[in-house]
Amino acid sequence: MASTEAIVAGSAKFPKQERRTFQYGTAGFRMKADLLDAIVYRGALLASLRSRKLNGQIIGVMITASHNPPDENGIKLVDPMGEMLEASWEAHATVLANAPSDQALAEAFMKLEADLSIDPQAKARAVFARDTRASGPHLVSALIAGFEAAGVDYTDYKLMTTPQLHYVTRCLNTKGTPFDYGEPTEQGYYEKTARGFKAAMAGRKVNGGLTVDCANGVGGPKLRELIKYLPSVGEGGISIKVVNDDVVRPNRLNHQCGADFVKTGQRAPPATQTAPLERCCSLDGDADRLVYYFLDEDSSFRLLDGDRIATLAALFIGDLARNAGLGEKLKVGVVQTAYANGASTSYITQDLKLPVVCTNTGVKYLHHAATKFDVGVYFEANGHGTVVFSDLALKRINKYDPQSPAQASALDTLKGLTQLINQTVGDALSDLLLVEVILAHKSWSVREWDLTYTDLPNRLVRVEVPDRSIFKAIDAERKLESPPGAQAQIDALVGKYKNGRSFARASGTEDAVRIYAEAATKGEADELAAGVGKVVISVANQYSPHV
């Protein structure tokens, strides 16, 4: 049970350092680490309320800033089934984070407790972990102080990838139920992932090795540990070369490496040093994003991003379902955002004959939409994504009686995938093993994967505006509802280009608008993006109240 006195006393040790407004979003709270003490303390209070509201279920708390620079950090909460914090609670997080004083914080806490009809005597439980940032241990002390002030039973899982904490949270909350997700330990994670990999490989051989750039983050030591549980190369495993796994020097985190560096820079990290057509992939700082890439015969860089991983997974799982005799009983679908390349969407709908749903940007939106399918595949272009199997799908897969050896083989592989894939959240470690399984089954090189479709040339630009709040997007952020007339001008520009498509959406973190454009040629995509940028600047100057 939390008391006003305990909350005030604890808060006094971690005072707010800035009079700025903090907002909880898809990534939780992220900022310069030296501003986070008070926010992390208050995050612990939120976790206590969330756990009590859910009758003592265990809430996860992860201290990480993913692909952000080393001097930043963050905190985000994980709900009992390993999913992100329920969207309606983001407002409560924001209320606590912005309480102007220690006393005001205690009052806000007690008000939320009353407004949400939370029993103050109910038990509260939480687990937490952190990535390798230098600020992590200090922020953990603020988190623990918050837990103790609020009377939370907590367990420290030390260093983990973000997906590992999501996995553990779900395992703890499902243990002893029909939905038991696995052993709630780091070792349990490795064992389950390795079992799934072996079953899904079904004796196939991997062609060539894989170089994995670990962004000098927590994914490095965790991948090295996972490798110990995987089959050796002689037993049908993968030859994995780990690079950029320096966690001793925290300032190396995400420096000229990592999934975000590769995606935004369209180039390989200097440390990879691979020959043409050799497979490479990059994780991000907390190992929840993954992108693949290679150099072609002319040493030109080729990126295989989240769109490519989604189409590869959808192709393979769709084929497995049909080959297992479950094609009519499992509805497989793909979830994308407006940033997905139009060519990938056409490939899924026209070649794979699978439905595609477009959602707002943000993993929470994609994950929710994916759960509407029996098997939902979702990936953002940045490489964050996973595959979600519904309870009904799992029941059908596990109870189906195959009618031939071919059906039995496909069914066994499908069962292996349900164990290999971390269904709680995007997980770079399990996702890379999923990609390797698929390439082995299809006997494909990265070149053949790359040739499944040709990306439309595209351009992403950022335009600073006086007030981003005037830009209101609808239709999964593909159209502007306001300012008035903006969308009509964009539509007129798009109509001038073959395969033209463009949209503008307000940034979630700064006074800027992000513009995406694609067209038949690179020059036309650049031209379209520039034209839409001029429209944005014009309407921003016309309608912004600050101008």
Protein backbone atom coordinates (compact mmCIF):
# COMPACT_ATOMS: atom_id res chain seq x y z
CA MET A 1 0.00 0.00 0.00
CA ALA A 2 1.29 3.45 -0.95
CA SER A 3 1.12 6.37 1.47
CA THR A 4 1.25 10.08 0.69
CA GLU A 5 4.17 10.49 3.07
CA ALA A 6 6.22 7.72 1.43
CA ILE A 7 5.58 9.05 -2.10
CA VAL A 8 6.51 12.62 -1.10
CA ALA A 9 9.66 11.51 0.75
CA GLY A 10 10.79 9.34 -2.16
CA SER A 11 10.03 12.00 -4.75
CA ALA A 12 12.11 14.57 -2.85
CA LYS A 13 15.20 12.47 -3.66
CA PHE A 14 14.46 12.67 -7.42
CA PRO A 15 13.19 16.20 -8.12
CA LYS A 16 12.00 17.26 -11.56
CA GLN A 17 14.80 19.16 -13.26
CA GLU A 18 12.88 20.94 -16.02
CA ARG A 19 9.57 22.70 -16.35
CA ARG A 20 8.87 21.10 -19.69
CA THR A 21 5.91 18.91 -20.52
CA PHE A 22 6.62 15.19 -20.81
CA GLN A 23 4.38 12.89 -22.83
CA TYR A 24 4.23 9.09 -22.78
CA GLY A 25 4.17 7.65 -26.30
CA THR A 26 4.77 4.36 -28.14
CA ALA A 27 8.39 4.37 -26.93
CA GLY A 28 7.42 5.40 -23.39
CA PHE A 29 9.41 8.37 -22.08
CA ARG A 30 12.76 9.10 -23.77
CA MET A 31 15.11 12.01 -23.21
CA LYS A 32 18.58 12.98 -21.99
CA ALA A 33 19.42 10.58 -19.17
CA ASP A 34 20.19 13.35 -16.67
CA LEU A 35 16.55 14.50 -16.86
CA LEU A 36 15.07 11.07 -16.22
CA ASP A 37 15.42 10.49 -12.46
CA ALA A 38 12.04 11.94 -11.56
CA ILE A 39 10.34 10.39 -14.59
CA VAL A 40 11.59 6.90 -13.75
CA TYR A 41 10.52 7.29 -10.09
CA ARG A 42 7.06 8.29 -11.28
CA GLY A 43 7.02 5.42 -13.79
CA ALA A 44 7.37 3.03 -10.85
CA LEU A 45 4.29 4.62 -9.26
CA LEU A 46 2.36 4.11 -12.50
CA ALA A 47 3.40 0.44 -12.60
CA SER A 48 2.04 0.00 -9.09
CA LEU A 49 -1.34 1.46 -10.09
CA ARG A 50 -1.48 -0.66 -13.25
CA SER A 51 -0.68 -3.87 -11.37
CA ARG A 52 -3.24 -3.17 -8.64
CA LYS A 53 -5.87 -2.33 -11.24
CA LEU A 54 -5.21 -5.74 -12.82
CA ASN A 55 -5.53 -7.61 -9.51
CA GLY A 56 -1.83 -8.01 -8.87
CA GLN A 57 -0.77 -9.15 -12.32
CA ILE A 58 2.91 -8.50 -12.99
CA ILE A 59 3.86 -5.38 -14.95
CA GLY A 60 7.19 -5.13 -16.78
CA VAL A 61 9.36 -2.02 -16.77
CA MET A 62 12.21 -1.58 -19.26
CA ILE A 63 14.87 1.09 -18.97
CA THR A 64 16.20 1.72 -22.47
CA ALA A 65 16.33 4.27 -25.27
CA SER A 66 16.72 1.72 -28.07
CA HIS A 67 18.44 3.32 -31.09
CA ASN A 68 18.87 6.75 -29.45
CA PRO A 69 22.34 8.17 -28.62
CA PRO A 70 24.24 6.84 -25.56
CA ASP A 71 23.57 9.94 -23.43
CA GLU A 72 19.82 9.39 -23.64
CA ASN A 73 17.68 6.83 -21.86
CA GLY A 74 14.03 6.01 -21.33
CA ILE A 75 11.41 4.01 -19.51
CA LYS A 76 8.46 2.07 -20.85
CA LEU A 77 5.92 -0.24 -19.23
CA VAL A 78 4.91 -3.71 -20.39
CA ASP A 79 1.40 -5.07 -19.81
CA PRO A 80 0.81 -8.60 -18.43
CA MET A 81 0.67 -10.45 -21.77
CA GLY A 82 3.93 -8.86 -22.86
CA GLU A 83 2.23 -6.20 -24.97
CA MET A 84 2.78 -2.47 -24.70
CA LEU A 85 1.01 -0.44 -22.03
CA GLU A 86 -2.69 -0.05 -22.83
CA ALA A 87 -3.12 3.20 -24.76
CA SER A 88 -5.65 4.68 -22.33
CA TRP A 89 -3.02 4.55 -19.57
CA GLU A 90 -0.57 6.74 -21.49
CA ALA A 91 -2.55 9.76 -20.27
CA HIS A 92 -2.14 8.61 -16.65
CA ALA A 93 1.62 8.28 -17.19
CA THR A 94 1.67 11.81 -18.55
CA VAL A 95 -0.27 13.15 -15.53
CA LEU A 96 2.21 11.67 -13.04
CA ALA A 97 5.26 12.73 -15.06
CA ASN A 98 4.12 16.35 -15.15
CA ALA A 99 3.08 16.81 -11.50
CA PRO A 100 4.87 20.07 -10.57
CA SER A 101 5.91 19.15 -7.01
CA ASP A 102 6.39 16.21 -4.65
CA GLN A 103 3.09 16.93 -2.93
CA ALA A 104 1.29 17.40 -6.24
CA LEU A 105 2.66 14.03 -7.36
CA ALA A 106 1.25 12.28 -4.29
CA GLU A 107 -2.10 13.98 -4.82
CA ALA A 108 -2.15 12.99 -8.52
CA PHE A 109 -1.36 9.40 -7.52
CA MET A 110 -4.17 9.26 -4.97
CA LYS A 111 -6.60 10.87 -7.41
CA LEU A 112 -5.81 8.29 -10.09
CA GLU A 113 -6.21 5.54 -7.51
CA ALA A 114 -9.70 6.84 -6.68
CA ASP A 115 -10.75 7.70 -10.25
CA LEU A 116 -9.73 4.25 -11.51
CA SER A 117 -11.40 2.47 -8.56
CA ILE A 118 -8.16 0.82 -7.51
CA ASP A 119 -8.09 -0.98 -4.16
CA PRO A 120 -5.17 0.57 -2.22
CA GLN A 121 -4.81 -2.71 -0.30
CA ALA A 122 -4.37 -4.79 -3.47
CA LYS A 123 -0.99 -6.34 -4.15
CA ALA A 124 1.28 -4.76 -6.77
CA ARG A 125 4.02 -6.71 -8.57
CA ALA A 126 6.60 -5.74 -11.19
CA VAL A 127 9.71 -6.99 -12.98
CA PHE A 128 12.30 -4.82 -14.65
CA ALA A 129 15.48 -4.85 -16.70
CA ARG A 130 17.77 -2.38 -18.46
CA ASP A 131 20.04 -2.14 -21.47
CA THR A 132 23.79 -1.40 -21.34
CA ARG A 133 23.67 2.41 -21.12
CA ALA A 134 25.93 3.95 -18.47
CA SER A 135 22.96 5.76 -16.93
CA GLY A 136 21.06 2.51 -16.35
CA PRO A 137 22.23 1.62 -12.82
CA HIS A 138 21.47 5.11 -11.47
CA LEU A 139 18.00 5.11 -13.02
CA VAL A 140 17.36 1.67 -11.53
CA SER A 141 17.89 3.21 -8.09
CA ALA A 142 15.13 5.75 -8.86
CA LEU A 143 12.87 2.95 -10.08
CA ILE A 144 13.41 0.87 -6.95
CA ALA A 145 12.75 3.91 -4.76
CA GLY A 146 9.42 4.35 -6.53
CA PHE A 147 8.53 0.70 -6.10
CA GLU A 148 9.32 0.83 -2.40
CA ALA A 149 7.35 4.03 -1.87
CA ALA A 150 4.34 2.42 -3.56
CA GLY A 151 4.67 -0.96 -1.85
CA VAL A 152 5.48 -2.98 -4.98
CA ASP A 153 6.96 -6.51 -4.90
CA TYR A 154 9.66 -6.37 -7.60
CA THR A 155 12.29 -8.54 -9.26
CA ASP A 156 15.38 -7.17 -11.02
CA TYR A 157 16.28 -9.13 -14.18
CA LYS A 158 19.44 -7.00 -14.66
CA LEU A 159 20.65 -6.67 -18.26
CA MET A 160 18.17 -7.88 -20.90
CA THR A 161 17.02 -7.05 -24.38
CA THR A 162 13.63 -5.36 -24.44
CA PRO A 163 11.98 -8.41 -26.10
CA GLN A 164 13.39 -10.69 -23.39
CA LEU A 165 11.67 -8.61 -20.71
CA HIS A 166 8.40 -8.73 -22.67
CA TYR A 167 8.80 -12.52 -22.90
CA VAL A 168 9.48 -12.91 -19.16
CA THR A 169 6.50 -10.70 -18.25
CA ARG A 170 4.14 -12.85 -20.30
CA CYS A 171 5.61 -16.09 -18.98
CA LEU A 172 5.17 -15.00 -15.36
CA ASN A 173 1.55 -14.00 -15.89
CA THR A 174 0.56 -17.15 -17.79
CA LYS A 175 2.45 -19.73 -15.71
CA GLY A 176 0.16 -22.53 -14.59
CA THR A 177 -2.61 -21.55 -17.04
CA PRO A 178 -3.66 -23.13 -20.36
CA PHE A 179 -1.81 -20.24 -22.05
CA ASP A 180 1.55 -20.94 -20.39
CA TYR A 181 4.09 -19.14 -22.59
CA GLY A 182 7.31 -20.67 -21.24
CA GLU A 183 9.87 -20.61 -18.47
CA PRO A 184 10.11 -17.04 -17.09
CA THR A 185 13.90 -16.79 -17.14
CA GLU A 186 16.56 -15.67 -19.58
CA GLN A 187 17.64 -19.30 -19.94
CA GLY A 188 14.02 -20.27 -20.61
CA TYR A 189 13.97 -17.71 -23.43
CA TYR A 190 17.08 -19.23 -25.03
CA GLU A 191 15.83 -22.79 -24.68
CA LYS A 192 12.40 -22.06 -26.16
CA THR A 193 13.86 -20.06 -29.05
CA ALA A 194 16.43 -22.78 -29.82
CA ARG A 195 13.79 -25.54 -29.69
CA GLY A 196 11.62 -23.62 -32.10
CA PHE A 197 14.54 -23.02 -34.44
CA LYS A 198 15.52 -26.70 -34.54
CA ALA A 199 11.92 -27.80 -35.16
CA ALA A 200 11.34 -25.18 -37.85
CA MET A 201 14.58 -25.96 -39.67
CA ALA A 202 13.45 -29.59 -40.06
CA GLY A 203 16.88 -30.72 -41.21
CA ARG A 204 17.38 -27.99 -43.83
CA LYS A 205 20.89 -26.64 -44.28
CA VAL A 206 21.85 -22.97 -44.12
CA ASN A 207 23.88 -21.77 -47.09
CA GLY A 208 26.76 -19.55 -46.00
CA GLY A 209 27.32 -17.54 -42.87
CA LEU A 210 25.66 -14.49 -41.34
CA THR A 211 27.35 -11.35 -40.01
CA VAL A 212 25.33 -9.71 -37.22
CA ASP A 213 25.95 -6.09 -36.22
CA CYS A 214 24.76 -5.74 -32.60
CA ALA A 215 24.88 -1.91 -32.40
CA ASN A 216 27.34 -2.19 -29.47
CA GLY A 217 24.27 -2.79 -27.33
CA VAL A 218 22.73 -5.43 -25.11
CA GLY A 219 21.93 -7.64 -28.12
CA GLY A 220 25.62 -8.53 -28.47
CA PRO A 221 26.13 -10.52 -25.27
CA LYS A 222 22.61 -11.94 -25.50
CA LEU A 223 23.17 -13.19 -29.06
CA ARG A 224 26.44 -14.81 -28.00
CA GLU A 225 24.54 -16.56 -25.21
CA LEU A 226 21.74 -17.67 -27.55
CA ILE A 227 24.30 -19.16 -29.97
CA LYS A 228 25.34 -21.61 -27.21
CA TYR A 229 21.83 -23.13 -27.35
CA LEU A 230 21.63 -23.38 -31.16
CA PRO A 231 22.85 -26.35 -33.25
CA SER A 232 26.44 -26.14 -34.44
CA VAL A 233 27.14 -25.61 -38.14
CA GLY A 234 27.84 -29.33 -38.45
CA GLU A 235 24.44 -30.07 -36.91
CA GLY A 236 22.61 -27.79 -39.36
CA GLY A 237 23.02 -24.51 -37.50
CA ILE A 238 24.17 -21.09 -38.69
CA SER A 239 27.71 -19.76 -38.82
CA ILE A 240 27.18 -16.41 -37.06
CA LYS A 241 29.87 -13.75 -36.95
CA VAL A 242 29.11 -11.18 -34.24
CA VAL A 243 30.42 -7.62 -34.79
CA ASN A 244 29.86 -4.34 -32.95
CA ASP A 245 29.30 -5.98 -29.57
CA ASP A 246 31.41 -3.62 -27.45
CA VAL A 247 29.38 -3.02 -24.29
CA VAL A 248 32.42 -2.08 -22.19
CA ARG A 249 32.55 1.43 -23.70
CA PRO A 250 28.95 2.72 -23.47
CA ASN A 251 29.69 5.66 -25.78
CA ARG A 252 30.05 3.19 -28.66
CA LEU A 253 26.33 2.31 -28.50
CA ASN A 254 24.65 2.91 -31.89
CA HIS A 255 27.77 4.74 -33.13
CA GLN A 256 28.15 4.09 -36.87
CA CYS A 257 26.26 0.86 -36.44
CA GLY A 258 22.84 -0.57 -35.68
CA ALA A 259 19.57 -0.96 -37.57
CA ASP A 260 18.71 2.75 -37.53
CA PHE A 261 22.17 3.72 -38.87
CA VAL A 262 21.79 1.23 -41.73
CA LYS A 263 18.17 2.12 -42.56
CA THR A 264 18.61 5.90 -42.54
CA GLY A 265 22.10 5.98 -44.06
CA GLN A 266 21.46 3.24 -46.64
CA ARG A 267 24.90 1.82 -46.01
CA ALA A 268 26.57 -0.96 -44.07
CA PRO A 269 28.38 -0.25 -40.79
CA PRO A 270 32.14 0.05 -41.41
CA ALA A 271 32.86 -2.91 -39.12
CA THR A 272 30.89 -5.49 -41.15
CA GLN A 273 33.50 -5.80 -43.94
CA THR A 274 31.77 -8.49 -45.96
CA ALA A 275 32.19 -9.70 -49.53
CA PRO A 276 29.48 -9.30 -52.21
CA LEU A 277 26.33 -11.43 -51.71
CA GLU A 278 27.20 -12.30 -48.09
CA ARG A 279 24.28 -11.96 -45.65
CA CYS A 280 24.44 -9.22 -43.03
CA CYS A 281 21.93 -7.91 -40.54
CA SER A 282 21.82 -5.22 -37.88
CA LEU A 283 20.01 -5.06 -34.54
CA ASP A 284 19.26 -1.81 -32.73
CA GLY A 285 20.41 -0.81 -29.24
CA ASP A 286 17.87 -2.92 -27.33
CA ALA A 287 17.49 -5.65 -29.98
CA ASP A 288 13.86 -5.14 -30.97
CA ARG A 289 14.58 -4.04 -34.56
CA LEU A 290 16.22 -5.97 -37.39
CA VAL A 291 17.22 -5.13 -40.96
CA TYR A 292 19.13 -7.29 -43.45
CA TYR A 293 21.40 -6.05 -46.24
CA PHE A 294 24.14 -7.13 -48.64
CA LEU A 295 26.46 -5.86 -51.33
CA ASP A 296 25.57 -6.98 -54.86
CA GLU A 297 28.06 -8.15 -57.50
CA ASP A 298 28.99 -4.52 -58.22
CA SER A 299 29.44 -3.83 -54.48
CA SER A 300 26.30 -1.68 -54.44
CA PHE A 301 24.44 -1.64 -51.12
CA ARG A 302 21.07 -3.44 -51.03
CA LEU A 303 18.75 -3.06 -48.03
CA LEU A 304 16.25 -5.75 -46.95
CA ASP A 305 14.18 -3.84 -44.41
CA GLY A 306 11.04 -4.52 -42.39
CA ASP A 307 8.87 -4.53 -45.53
CA ARG A 308 11.08 -7.27 -46.99
CA ILE A 309 11.01 -9.33 -43.79
CA ALA A 310 7.20 -9.03 -43.62
CA THR A 311 6.72 -10.19 -47.21
CA LEU A 312 9.18 -13.07 -46.73
CA ALA A 313 7.37 -14.23 -43.57
CA ALA A 314 3.92 -13.86 -45.15
CA LEU A 315 5.00 -15.81 -48.23
CA PHE A 316 6.43 -18.66 -46.17
CA ILE A 317 3.66 -18.91 -43.57
CA GLY A 318 0.97 -18.71 -46.25
CA ASP A 319 2.66 -21.56 -48.15
CA LEU A 320 3.07 -23.63 -44.98
CA ALA A 321 -0.60 -23.22 -44.07
CA ARG A 322 -1.70 -24.41 -47.52
CA ASN A 323 0.83 -27.27 -47.62
CA ALA A 324 -0.27 -28.42 -44.17
CA GLY A 325 -3.91 -28.56 -45.29
CA LEU A 326 -4.88 -25.53 -43.20
CA GLY A 327 -5.13 -22.98 -45.99
CA GLU A 328 -8.89 -22.56 -45.56
CA LYS A 329 -8.74 -22.62 -41.76
CA LEU A 330 -6.04 -20.01 -41.11
CA LYS A 331 -6.55 -16.44 -42.27
CA VAL A 332 -3.09 -14.97 -42.79
CA GLY A 333 -2.84 -11.18 -43.09
CA VAL A 334 -0.20 -8.47 -43.17
CA VAL A 335 -0.25 -5.14 -41.32
CA GLN A 336 1.73 -2.16 -42.60
CA THR A 337 1.93 1.60 -42.14
CA ALA A 338 1.81 4.30 -44.81
CA TYR A 339 5.63 4.21 -44.85
CA ALA A 340 5.62 0.71 -46.37
CA ASN A 341 6.86 0.79 -49.94
CA GLY A 342 3.96 0.59 -52.40
CA ALA A 343 5.68 -2.24 -54.26
CA SER A 344 5.62 -4.41 -51.13
CA THR A 345 1.90 -3.80 -50.70
CA SER A 346 1.22 -4.73 -54.33
CA TYR A 347 3.35 -7.88 -53.98
CA ILE A 348 1.38 -9.02 -50.92
CA THR A 349 -2.07 -8.34 -52.40
CA GLN A 350 -1.44 -9.30 -56.04
CA ASP A 351 1.23 -12.03 -55.88
CA LEU A 352 0.69 -13.56 -52.45
CA LYS A 353 -3.10 -12.95 -52.55
CA LEU A 354 -3.11 -11.95 -48.89
CA PRO A 355 -5.03 -9.09 -47.25
CA VAL A 356 -3.17 -5.97 -46.10
CA VAL A 357 -4.33 -3.58 -43.39
CA CYS A 358 -2.75 -0.11 -43.02
CA THR A 359 -2.59 1.47 -39.55
CA ASN A 360 -1.20 4.60 -37.96
CA THR A 361 2.54 4.68 -37.35
CA GLY A 362 3.49 3.01 -34.06
CA VAL A 363 3.96 -0.61 -33.05
CA LYS A 364 0.97 -0.56 -30.70
CA TYR A 365 -1.34 0.08 -33.68
CA LEU A 366 0.21 -2.63 -35.84
CA HIS A 367 0.19 -5.24 -33.07
CA HIS A 368 -3.46 -4.59 -32.27
CA ALA A 369 -4.46 -4.90 -35.95
CA ALA A 370 -2.40 -8.09 -36.36
CA THR A 371 -4.39 -9.81 -33.60
CA LYS A 372 -7.51 -9.56 -35.80
CA PHE A 373 -6.09 -12.24 -38.11
CA ASP A 374 -5.56 -15.92 -37.31
CA VAL A 375 -1.93 -15.28 -38.21
CA GLY A 376 -0.98 -11.61 -38.34
CA VAL A 377 2.37 -10.51 -39.77
CA TYR A 378 3.43 -6.97 -38.97
CA PHE A 379 6.65 -5.06 -39.50
CA GLU A 380 7.42 -1.39 -39.72
CA ALA A 381 9.88 -0.48 -42.47
CA ASN A 382 12.44 0.26 -39.71
CA GLY A 383 12.61 -3.46 -38.90
CA HIS A 384 10.40 -3.65 -35.80
CA GLY A 385 7.82 -6.41 -36.05
CA THR A 386 6.77 -9.98 -35.40
CA VAL A 387 4.13 -12.59 -36.21
CA VAL A 388 1.10 -13.08 -33.95
CA PHE A 389 -0.85 -16.36 -33.80
CA SER A 390 -4.37 -16.23 -32.35
CA ASP A 391 -5.45 -18.75 -29.71
CA LEU A 392 -7.76 -20.32 -32.30
CA ALA A 393 -4.90 -20.60 -34.81
CA LEU A 394 -2.65 -22.26 -32.23
CA LYS A 395 -5.42 -24.71 -31.36
CA ARG A 396 -5.97 -25.61 -35.02
CA ILE A 397 -2.25 -25.97 -35.70
CA ASN A 398 -1.62 -28.16 -32.66
CA LYS A 399 -4.72 -30.37 -33.05
CA TYR A 400 -4.77 -30.82 -36.82
CA ASP A 401 -4.35 -34.39 -38.09
CA PRO A 402 -2.20 -34.29 -41.27
CA GLN A 403 -3.41 -36.41 -44.18
CA SER A 404 -0.02 -37.07 -45.82
CA PRO A 405 3.72 -36.97 -45.06
CA ALA A 406 3.95 -33.65 -46.93
CA GLN A 407 1.23 -32.15 -44.74
CA ALA A 408 2.93 -33.52 -41.62
CA SER A 409 6.24 -31.94 -42.62
CA ALA A 410 4.67 -28.52 -43.25
CA LEU A 411 2.69 -28.76 -40.00
CA ASP A 412 5.82 -29.57 -37.97
CA THR A 413 7.59 -26.54 -39.43
CA LEU A 414 4.58 -24.35 -38.63
CA LYS A 415 4.55 -25.65 -35.05
CA GLY A 416 8.25 -24.85 -34.79
CA LEU A 417 7.60 -21.26 -35.91
CA THR A 418 5.02 -20.76 -33.15
CA GLN A 419 7.80 -21.54 -30.65
CA LEU A 420 10.59 -19.67 -32.42
CA ILE A 421 8.74 -16.38 -32.91
CA ASN A 422 8.48 -14.04 -29.93
CA GLN A 423 4.83 -13.08 -30.28
CA THR A 424 4.89 -10.44 -27.53
CA VAL A 425 6.81 -7.81 -29.47
CA GLY A 426 9.34 -7.32 -32.28
CA ASP A 427 12.46 -9.32 -31.36
CA ALA A 428 15.58 -9.01 -33.50
CA LEU A 429 17.10 -12.28 -32.23
CA SER A 430 14.11 -14.50 -32.97
CA ASP A 431 13.32 -12.55 -36.16
CA LEU A 432 16.81 -13.17 -37.58
CA LEU A 433 16.42 -16.89 -36.89
CA LEU A 434 13.01 -16.78 -38.62
CA VAL A 435 14.60 -15.22 -41.71
CA GLU A 436 17.37 -17.84 -41.70
CA VAL A 437 14.81 -20.66 -41.43
CA ILE A 438 12.87 -19.33 -44.43
CA LEU A 439 15.94 -18.80 -46.61
CA ALA A 440 17.12 -22.35 -45.77
CA HIS A 441 13.73 -23.88 -46.65
CA LYS A 442 13.54 -22.01 -49.94
CA SER A 443 17.26 -22.47 -50.73
CA TRP A 444 17.40 -18.75 -51.42
CA SER A 445 20.32 -16.37 -51.29
CA VAL A 446 19.83 -12.74 -50.34
CA ARG A 447 19.86 -11.94 -54.07
CA GLU A 448 16.82 -14.16 -54.72
CA TRP A 449 15.04 -12.65 -51.71
CA ASP A 450 15.78 -9.17 -53.04
CA LEU A 451 14.35 -10.06 -56.45
CA THR A 452 10.86 -10.97 -55.14
CA TYR A 453 9.77 -7.42 -56.04
CA THR A 454 11.37 -4.10 -56.97
CA ASP A 455 10.93 -1.22 -54.54
CA LEU A 456 9.51 1.98 -55.94
CA PRO A 457 12.02 4.85 -55.61
CA ASN A 458 11.12 6.91 -52.56
CA ARG A 459 12.17 9.91 -50.54
CA LEU A 460 11.58 10.82 -46.91
CA VAL A 461 12.04 14.46 -45.94
CA ARG A 462 11.53 16.53 -42.80
CA VAL A 463 10.15 20.08 -42.93
CA GLU A 464 10.22 22.36 -39.88
CA VAL A 465 6.95 24.22 -39.21
CA PRO A 466 5.89 26.87 -36.65
CA ASP A 467 3.15 24.64 -35.16
CA ARG A 468 2.80 20.96 -35.99
CA SER A 469 -0.54 20.69 -34.17
CA ILE A 470 -2.42 22.19 -37.15
CA PHE A 471 -1.60 19.11 -39.25
CA LYS A 472 -4.32 16.52 -38.56
CA ALA A 473 -4.05 13.21 -40.41
CA ILE A 474 -6.78 10.65 -41.15
CA ASP A 475 -7.03 7.36 -43.10
CA ALA A 476 -4.10 5.71 -41.28
CA GLU A 477 -2.13 8.96 -41.65
CA ARG A 478 -2.30 8.83 -45.44
CA LYS A 479 -4.37 12.01 -45.82
CA LEU A 480 -4.50 15.43 -44.17
CA GLU A 481 -7.83 16.54 -42.76
CA SER A 482 -6.37 19.94 -41.92
CA PRO A 483 -5.12 22.56 -42.70
CA PRO A 484 -7.92 23.21 -45.20
CA GLY A 485 -6.97 22.62 -48.82
CA ALA A 486 -3.62 20.98 -48.06
CA GLN A 487 -4.68 17.48 -49.13
CA ALA A 488 -6.20 18.73 -52.39
CA GLN A 489 -2.88 20.35 -53.30
CA ILE A 490 -0.97 17.15 -52.44
CA ASP A 491 -3.40 15.04 -54.51
CA ALA A 492 -2.92 17.38 -57.49
CA LEU A 493 0.86 16.96 -57.26
CA VAL A 494 0.68 13.16 -56.88
CA GLY A 495 -1.51 12.93 -59.99
CA LYS A 496 1.32 14.29 -62.14
CA TYR A 497 3.62 11.30 -61.52
CA LYS A 498 3.48 7.67 -62.62
CA ASN A 499 3.11 5.41 -59.55
CA GLY A 500 3.02 8.60 -57.49
CA ARG A 501 2.12 8.45 -53.79
CA SER A 502 2.83 10.93 -51.03
CA PHE A 503 1.62 11.87 -47.57
CA ALA A 504 2.56 14.32 -44.84
CA ARG A 505 2.20 13.72 -41.09
CA ALA A 506 3.17 15.74 -38.04
CA SER A 507 6.15 14.54 -36.05
CA GLY A 508 5.26 13.16 -32.63
CA THR A 509 8.22 14.80 -30.92
CA GLU A 510 9.11 18.11 -32.59
CA ASP A 511 7.62 20.98 -34.61
CA ALA A 512 8.19 19.33 -37.93
CA VAL A 513 6.24 17.48 -40.61
CA ARG A 514 7.56 14.28 -42.17
CA ILE A 515 6.87 13.80 -45.88
CA TYR A 516 7.04 10.48 -47.70
CA ALA A 517 6.94 10.32 -51.50
CA GLU A 518 7.39 7.56 -54.05
CA ALA A 519 7.22 7.51 -57.85
CA ALA A 520 8.42 5.55 -60.88
CA THR A 521 11.91 7.12 -60.86
CA LYS A 522 14.22 8.47 -58.18
CA GLY A 523 14.21 11.92 -59.72
CA GLU A 524 10.42 12.03 -59.76
CA ALA A 525 10.20 10.82 -56.13
CA ASP A 526 12.61 13.59 -55.08
CA GLU A 527 10.64 16.13 -57.12
CA LEU A 528 7.32 15.03 -55.62
CA ALA A 529 8.71 15.18 -52.07
CA ALA A 530 10.04 18.69 -52.69
CA GLY A 531 6.69 19.79 -54.11
CA VAL A 532 4.76 18.45 -51.13
CA GLY A 533 7.30 20.14 -48.85
CA LYS A 534 6.48 23.49 -50.43
CA VAL A 535 2.76 22.85 -49.89
CA VAL A 536 3.40 22.06 -46.21
CA ILE A 537 5.46 25.21 -45.67
CA SER A 538 2.85 27.34 -47.45
CA VAL A 539 -0.14 26.10 -45.43
CA ALA A 540 1.89 26.11 -42.21
CA ASN A 541 2.69 29.78 -42.67
CA GLN A 542 -0.91 30.50 -43.62
CA TYR A 543 -2.65 28.71 -40.74
CA SER A 544 -0.19 28.58 -37.83
CA PRO A 545 -1.34 30.83 -34.97
CA HIS A 546 2.31 31.67 -34.12
CA VAL A 547 3.01 33.23 -37.52
